[in-house]
Amino acid sequence: MTMCSDLCIRATEFAYSFRDSLPTTEDTQQFQALAEEGSHLRSSLLSWEHSASTWTTHSAEDEQMTIAWTFYAATSIYLSGAFDCNPIWETQHIATPILPRLIIERHIASILHLTESVCKHTNLTGLVFLFPLRVAGAQARTTADRRRITEL
């Protein structure tokens, strides 16, 4: 997750540095490098998802897997957000690790469902899910989702 956070900060800062100017050819190379790094992280997340979906869990491990799936969904949204929050990425005409809105909505639903389930059926505190809920809240578009997030 720290690799993703680091990339997201660098990508966001770099993109926002062009509020008042246009990128040069050298800047375009940096856009490409950041996008490639993001695509590599997206690929790693998808590999984890594929592997994790085949793991069998025992009741003692369910809480850990629930936390893992929740953070997977949040990290996926967070990575996408670093590249879809600034329109300059679109002007560069390069592939970025932006998720389609439908996938973001699925991740939000997953975060909400898993967090609600864990908070109801275990003694884990909702504070464990602060990052996933914050990310889901930043991308939630419906009043119902926003209300569920604030209630957790």
Foldseek 3Di string as FASTA:
>chain_A
DVLLVVLLVVLLVLLVVPPPHDDDPVSLVVLQVSQVSLVVVVVVLVVCVVVLVPDDDDPVCPVVVLLVLLVSLLSLLSSQCSQPVHCVSVVSPDHHSHDDLVSNVVSLVSNLVSLVVCVVPHVDDSVSCPSSLVSSCVSDDDPVSVVSSVVD
